[in-house]
Amino acid sequence: MEEREVFYNGFCRAQNQGRMVACVYVKGKGRWVLDEADCAYEKCPNREACEIARQIREGHDGI
């Protein structure tokens, strides 16, 4: 299984500060899928308005 680590920068509303978030994507069945993020991406209440979350979502397609 192939994996890639990607870093995203932006403002975290949950922590009210700038953050750098590391994400690990794994390639399965011909596409990249988020495996791990060092923030609360999956459960974050601000996920839809978060700049970092937007980058993570776009990262699925851009890798």
PDB file of N, CA and C in Angstrom:
ATOM      1  N   MET A   1       0.857  -1.183   0.000  1.00  0.00           N
ATOM      2  CA  MET A   1       0.000   0.000   0.000  1.00  0.00           C
ATOM      3  C   MET A   1       0.898   1.240   0.000  1.00  0.00           C
ATOM      4  N   GLU A   2       0.597   2.138  -0.883  1.00  0.00           N
ATOM      5  CA  GLU A   2       1.354   3.381  -1.002  1.00  0.00           C
ATOM      6  C   GLU A   2       0.720   4.455  -0.120  1.00  0.00           C
ATOM      7  N   GLU A   3       1.561   5.248   0.547  1.00  0.00           N
ATOM      8  CA  GLU A   3       1.020   6.348   1.336  1.00  0.00           C
ATOM      9  C   GLU A   3       1.851   7.602   1.159  1.00  0.00           C
ATOM     10  N   ARG A   4       1.200   8.735   1.353  1.00  0.00           N
ATOM     11  CA  ARG A   4       1.863  10.045   1.227  1.00  0.00           C
ATOM     12  C   ARG A   4       1.475  10.923   2.400  1.00  0.00           C
ATOM     13  N   GLU A   5       2.440  11.701   2.846  1.00  0.00           N
ATOM     14  CA  GLU A   5       2.187  12.654   3.925  1.00  0.00           C
ATOM     15  C   GLU A   5       2.167  14.057   3.325  1.00  0.00           C
ATOM     16  N   VAL A   6       1.122  14.817   3.657  1.00  0.00           N
ATOM     17  CA  VAL A   6       0.944  16.161   3.116  1.00  0.00           C
ATOM     18  C   VAL A   6       0.682  17.108   4.268  1.00  0.00           C
ATOM     19  N   PHE A   7       1.238  18.322   4.186  1.00  0.00           N
ATOM     20  CA  PHE A   7       1.041  19.325   5.229  1.00  0.00           C
ATOM     21  C   PHE A   7       0.190  20.467   4.700  1.00  0.00           C
ATOM     22  N   TYR A   8      -0.759  20.919   5.521  1.00  0.00           N
ATOM     23  CA  TYR A   8      -1.629  22.029   5.170  1.00  0.00           C
ATOM     24  C   TYR A   8      -1.514  23.112   6.235  1.00  0.00           C
ATOM     25  N   ASN A   9      -1.519  24.366   5.795  1.00  0.00           N
ATOM     26  CA  ASN A   9      -1.470  25.515   6.702  1.00  0.00           C
ATOM     27  C   ASN A   9      -2.769  26.294   6.616  1.00  0.00           C
ATOM     28  N   GLY A  10      -3.170  26.858   7.750  1.00  0.00           N
ATOM     29  CA  GLY A  10      -4.364  27.680   7.752  1.00  0.00           C
ATOM     30  C   GLY A  10      -4.787  28.036   9.157  1.00  0.00           C
ATOM     31  N   PHE A  11      -5.919  28.704   9.247  1.00  0.00           N
ATOM     32  CA  PHE A  11      -6.441  29.116  10.545  1.00  0.00           C
ATOM     33  C   PHE A  11      -7.411  28.066  11.065  1.00  0.00           C
ATOM     34  N   CYS A  12      -7.195  27.612  12.288  1.00  0.00           N
ATOM     35  CA  CYS A  12      -8.058  26.624  12.932  1.00  0.00           C
ATOM     36  C   CYS A  12      -9.039  27.369  13.834  1.00  0.00           C
ATOM     37  N   ARG A  13     -10.323  27.289  13.495  1.00  0.00           N
ATOM     38  CA  ARG A  13     -11.356  27.959  14.288  1.00  0.00           C
ATOM     39  C   ARG A  13     -11.532  27.297  15.650  1.00  0.00           C
ATOM     40  N   ALA A  14     -11.371  25.986  15.707  1.00  0.00           N
ATOM     41  CA  ALA A  14     -11.543  25.263  16.973  1.00  0.00           C
ATOM     42  C   ALA A  14     -10.488  25.682  17.990  1.00  0.00           C
ATOM     43  N   GLN A  15      -9.246  25.893  17.532  1.00  0.00           N
ATOM     44  CA  GLN A  15      -8.166  26.293  18.426  1.00  0.00           C
ATOM     45  C   GLN A  15      -7.923  27.803  18.414  1.00  0.00           C
ATOM     46  N   ASN A  16      -8.602  28.494  17.507  1.00  0.00           N
ATOM     47  CA  ASN A  16      -8.473  29.940  17.382  1.00  0.00           C
ATOM     48  C   ASN A  16      -7.017  30.367  17.175  1.00  0.00           C
ATOM     49  N   GLN A  17      -6.356  29.678  16.246  1.00  0.00           N
ATOM     50  CA  GLN A  17      -4.960  29.999  15.946  1.00  0.00           C
ATOM     51  C   GLN A  17      -4.548  29.374  14.608  1.00  0.00           C
ATOM     52  N   GLY A  18      -3.427  29.852  14.084  1.00  0.00           N
ATOM     53  CA  GLY A  18      -2.880  29.261  12.874  1.00  0.00           C
ATOM     54  C   GLY A  18      -2.316  27.894  13.178  1.00  0.00           C
ATOM     55  N   ARG A  19      -2.454  26.973  12.227  1.00  0.00           N
ATOM     56  CA  ARG A  19      -1.980  25.597  12.425  1.00  0.00           C
ATOM     57  C   ARG A  19      -1.344  25.059  11.172  1.00  0.00           C
ATOM     58  N   MET A  20      -0.456  24.110  11.365  1.00  0.00           N
ATOM     59  CA  MET A  20       0.043  23.278  10.290  1.00  0.00           C
ATOM     60  C   MET A  20      -0.450  21.871  10.626  1.00  0.00           C
ATOM     61  N   VAL A  21      -1.185  21.269   9.702  1.00  0.00           N
ATOM     62  CA  VAL A  21      -1.780  19.959   9.940  1.00  0.00           C
ATOM     63  C   VAL A  21      -1.140  18.946   8.993  1.00  0.00           C
ATOM     64  N   ALA A  22      -0.661  17.848   9.562  1.00  0.00           N
ATOM     65  CA  ALA A  22      -0.098  16.760   8.766  1.00  0.00           C
ATOM     66  C   ALA A  22      -1.201  15.749   8.477  1.00  0.00           C
ATOM     67  N   CYS A  23      -1.297  15.320   7.221  1.00  0.00           N
ATOM     68  CA  CYS A  23      -2.287  14.326   6.815  1.00  0.00           C
ATOM     69  C   CYS A  23      -1.577  13.188   6.094  1.00  0.00           C
ATOM     70  N   VAL A  24      -2.075  11.991   6.311  1.00  0.00           N
ATOM     71  CA  VAL A  24      -1.560  10.814   5.617  1.00  0.00           C
ATOM     72  C   VAL A  24      -2.669  10.291   4.711  1.00  0.00           C
ATOM     73  N   TYR A  25      -2.345  10.174   3.434  1.00  0.00           N
ATOM     74  CA  TYR A  25      -3.261   9.617   2.450  1.00  0.00           C
ATOM     75  C   TYR A  25      -2.723   8.258   2.026  1.00  0.00           C
ATOM     76  N   VAL A  26      -3.604   7.293   1.835  1.00  0.00           N
ATOM     77  CA  VAL A  26      -3.218   5.973   1.341  1.00  0.00           C
ATOM     78  C   VAL A  26      -3.923   5.728   0.017  1.00  0.00           C
ATOM     79  N   LYS A  27      -3.235   5.010  -0.858  1.00  0.00           N
ATOM     80  CA  LYS A  27      -3.812   4.721  -2.167  1.00  0.00           C
ATOM     81  C   LYS A  27      -4.407   3.320  -2.133  1.00  0.00           C
ATOM     82  N   GLY A  28      -5.701   3.271  -2.384  1.00  0.00           N
ATOM     83  CA  GLY A  28      -6.399   1.994  -2.429  1.00  0.00           C
ATOM     84  C   GLY A  28      -7.403   1.998  -3.557  1.00  0.00           C
ATOM     85  N   LYS A  29      -7.415   0.931  -4.318  1.00  0.00           N
ATOM     86  CA  LYS A  29      -8.333   0.801  -5.450  1.00  0.00           C
ATOM     87  C   LYS A  29      -8.212   1.963  -6.441  1.00  0.00           C
ATOM     88  N   GLY A  30      -6.979   2.411  -6.658  1.00  0.00           N
ATOM     89  CA  GLY A  30      -6.726   3.432  -7.664  1.00  0.00           C
ATOM     90  C   GLY A  30      -6.984   4.868  -7.260  1.00  0.00           C
ATOM     91  N   ARG A  31      -7.350   5.116  -5.992  1.00  0.00           N
ATOM     92  CA  ARG A  31      -7.576   6.507  -5.580  1.00  0.00           C
ATOM     93  C   ARG A  31      -6.995   6.746  -4.194  1.00  0.00           C
ATOM     94  N   TRP A  32      -6.713   8.007  -3.917  1.00  0.00           N
ATOM     95  CA  TRP A  32      -6.147   8.393  -2.627  1.00  0.00           C
ATOM     96  C   TRP A  32      -7.262   8.678  -1.627  1.00  0.00           C
ATOM     97  N   VAL A  33      -7.087   8.165  -0.410  1.00  0.00           N
ATOM     98  CA  VAL A  33      -8.078   8.326   0.648  1.00  0.00           C
ATOM     99  C   VAL A  33      -7.363   8.810   1.909  1.00  0.00           C
ATOM    100  N   LEU A  34      -7.980   9.755   2.614  1.00  0.00           N
ATOM    101  CA  LEU A  34      -7.405  10.248   3.861  1.00  0.00           C
ATOM    102  C   LEU A  34      -7.405   9.128   4.886  1.00  0.00           C
ATOM    103  N   ASP A  35      -6.234   8.851   5.450  1.00  0.00           N
ATOM    104  CA  ASP A  35      -6.103   7.809   6.470  1.00  0.00           C
ATOM    105  C   ASP A  35      -5.979   8.412   7.860  1.00  0.00           C
ATOM    106  N   GLU A  36      -5.303   9.569   7.935  1.00  0.00           N
ATOM    107  CA  GLU A  36      -5.027  10.171   9.248  1.00  0.00           C
ATOM    108  C   GLU A  36      -4.775  11.671   9.096  1.00  0.00           C
ATOM    109  N   ALA A  37      -5.268  12.437  10.056  1.00  0.00           N
ATOM    110  CA  ALA A  37      -5.002  13.883  10.119  1.00  0.00           C
ATOM    111  C   ALA A  37      -4.702  14.220  11.573  1.00  0.00           C
ATOM    112  N   ASP A  38      -3.689  15.057  11.814  1.00  0.00           N
ATOM    113  CA  ASP A  38      -3.354  15.368  13.203  1.00  0.00           C
ATOM    114  C   ASP A  38      -4.168  16.554  13.748  1.00  0.00           C
ATOM    115  N   CYS A  39      -5.422  16.590  13.340  1.00  0.00           N
ATOM    116  CA  CYS A  39      -6.405  17.512  13.901  1.00  0.00           C
ATOM    117  C   CYS A  39      -7.716  16.744  14.010  1.00  0.00           C
ATOM    118  N   ALA A  40      -8.740  17.364  14.488  1.00  0.00           N
ATOM    119  CA  ALA A  40     -10.030  16.688  14.661  1.00  0.00           C
ATOM    120  C   ALA A  40     -10.875  16.794  13.401  1.00  0.00           C
ATOM    121  N   TYR A  41     -10.268  16.633  12.248  1.00  0.00           N
ATOM    122  CA  TYR A  41     -10.941  16.829  10.958  1.00  0.00           C
ATOM    123  C   TYR A  41     -12.276  16.094  10.870  1.00  0.00           C
ATOM    124  N   GLU A  42     -12.310  14.841  11.217  1.00  0.00           N
ATOM    125  CA  GLU A  42     -13.535  14.035  11.078  1.00  0.00           C
ATOM    126  C   GLU A  42     -14.662  14.503  11.994  1.00  0.00           C
ATOM    127  N   LYS A  43     -14.340  15.026  13.173  1.00  0.00           N
ATOM    128  CA  LYS A  43     -15.362  15.388  14.161  1.00  0.00           C
ATOM    129  C   LYS A  43     -15.460  16.886  14.437  1.00  0.00           C
ATOM    130  N   CYS A  44     -14.714  17.683  13.723  1.00  0.00           N
ATOM    131  CA  CYS A  44     -14.662  19.122  13.994  1.00  0.00           C
ATOM    132  C   CYS A  44     -16.005  19.802  13.711  1.00  0.00           C
ATOM    133  N   PRO A  45     -16.519  20.559  14.668  1.00  0.00           N
ATOM    134  CA  PRO A  45     -17.785  21.263  14.443  1.00  0.00           C
ATOM    135  C   PRO A  45     -17.665  22.402  13.428  1.00  0.00           C
ATOM    136  N   ASN A  46     -16.442  22.845  13.155  1.00  0.00           N
ATOM    137  CA  ASN A  46     -16.205  23.938  12.207  1.00  0.00           C
ATOM    138  C   ASN A  46     -15.757  23.425  10.837  1.00  0.00           C
ATOM    139  N   ARG A  47     -15.877  22.160  10.602  1.00  0.00           N
ATOM    140  CA  ARG A  47     -15.343  21.515   9.405  1.00  0.00           C
ATOM    141  C   ARG A  47     -15.791  22.170   8.098  1.00  0.00           C
ATOM    142  N   GLU A  48     -17.035  22.539   7.988  1.00  0.00           N
ATOM    143  CA  GLU A  48     -17.534  23.111   6.733  1.00  0.00           C
ATOM    144  C   GLU A  48     -16.994  24.517   6.471  1.00  0.00           C
ATOM    145  N   ALA A  49     -16.620  25.256   7.504  1.00  0.00           N
ATOM    146  CA  ALA A  49     -16.126  26.621   7.353  1.00  0.00           C
ATOM    147  C   ALA A  49     -14.603  26.709   7.509  1.00  0.00           C
ATOM    148  N   CYS A  50     -13.949  25.599   7.709  1.00  0.00           N
ATOM    149  CA  CYS A  50     -12.516  25.581   8.020  1.00  0.00           C
ATOM    150  C   CYS A  50     -11.661  25.585   6.752  1.00  0.00           C
ATOM    151  N   GLU A  51     -10.697  26.479   6.703  1.00  0.00           N
ATOM    152  CA  GLU A  51      -9.778  26.574   5.572  1.00  0.00           C
ATOM    153  C   GLU A  51      -8.916  25.309   5.465  1.00  0.00           C
ATOM    154  N   ILE A  52      -8.465  24.790   6.577  1.00  0.00           N
ATOM    155  CA  ILE A  52      -7.638  23.580   6.567  1.00  0.00           C
ATOM    156  C   ILE A  52      -8.468  22.390   6.083  1.00  0.00           C
ATOM    157  N   ALA A  53      -9.698  22.274   6.564  1.00  0.00           N
ATOM    158  CA  ALA A  53     -10.566  21.167   6.144  1.00  0.00           C
ATOM    159  C   ALA A  53     -10.825  21.226   4.642  1.00  0.00           C
ATOM    160  N   ARG A  54     -10.977  22.423   4.100  1.00  0.00           N
ATOM    161  CA  ARG A  54     -11.175  22.568   2.656  1.00  0.00           C
ATOM    162  C   ARG A  54      -9.954  22.029   1.903  1.00  0.00           C
ATOM    163  N   GLN A  55      -8.766  22.356   2.394  1.00  0.00           N
ATOM    164  CA  GLN A  55      -7.543  21.869   1.756  1.00  0.00           C
ATOM    165  C   GLN A  55      -7.442  20.347   1.848  1.00  0.00           C
ATOM    166  N   ILE A  56      -7.858  19.791   2.982  1.00  0.00           N
ATOM    167  CA  ILE A  56      -7.835  18.336   3.145  1.00  0.00           C
ATOM    168  C   ILE A  56      -8.788  17.683   2.153  1.00  0.00           C
ATOM    169  N   ARG A  57      -9.995  18.217   2.021  1.00  0.00           N
ATOM    170  CA  ARG A  57     -10.958  17.663   1.063  1.00  0.00           C
ATOM    171  C   ARG A  57     -10.426  17.755  -0.361  1.00  0.00           C
ATOM    172  N   GLU A  58      -9.855  18.885  -0.714  1.00  0.00           N
ATOM    173  CA  GLU A  58      -9.302  19.053  -2.061  1.00  0.00           C
ATOM    174  C   GLU A  58      -8.079  18.166  -2.275  1.00  0.00           C
ATOM    175  N   GLY A  59      -7.378  17.875  -1.208  1.00  0.00           N
ATOM    176  CA  GLY A  59      -6.199  17.012  -1.294  1.00  0.00           C
ATOM    177  C   GLY A  59      -6.512  15.615  -1.759  1.00  0.00           C
ATOM    178  N   HIS A  60      -7.732  15.149  -1.488  1.00  0.00           N
ATOM    179  CA  HIS A  60      -8.145  13.827  -1.941  1.00  0.00           C
ATOM    180  C   HIS A  60      -8.013  13.735  -3.456  1.00  0.00           C
ATOM    181  N   ASP A  61      -8.337  14.816  -4.148  1.00  0.00           N
ATOM    182  CA  ASP A  61      -8.329  14.809  -5.609  1.00  0.00           C
ATOM    183  C   ASP A  61      -7.000  15.279  -6.191  1.00  0.00           C
ATOM    184  N   GLY A  62      -6.248  16.068  -5.422  1.00  0.00           N
ATOM    185  CA  GLY A  62      -5.060  16.703  -5.961  1.00  0.00           C
ATOM    186  C   GLY A  62      -3.767  15.942  -5.828  1.00  0.00           C
ATOM    187  N   ILE A  63      -3.781  14.822  -5.148  1.00  0.00           N
ATOM    188  CA  ILE A  63      -2.534  14.081  -4.944  1.00  0.00           C
ATOM    189  C   ILE A  63      -2.200  13.289  -6.191  1.00  0.00           C
TER     190      ILE A  63
END
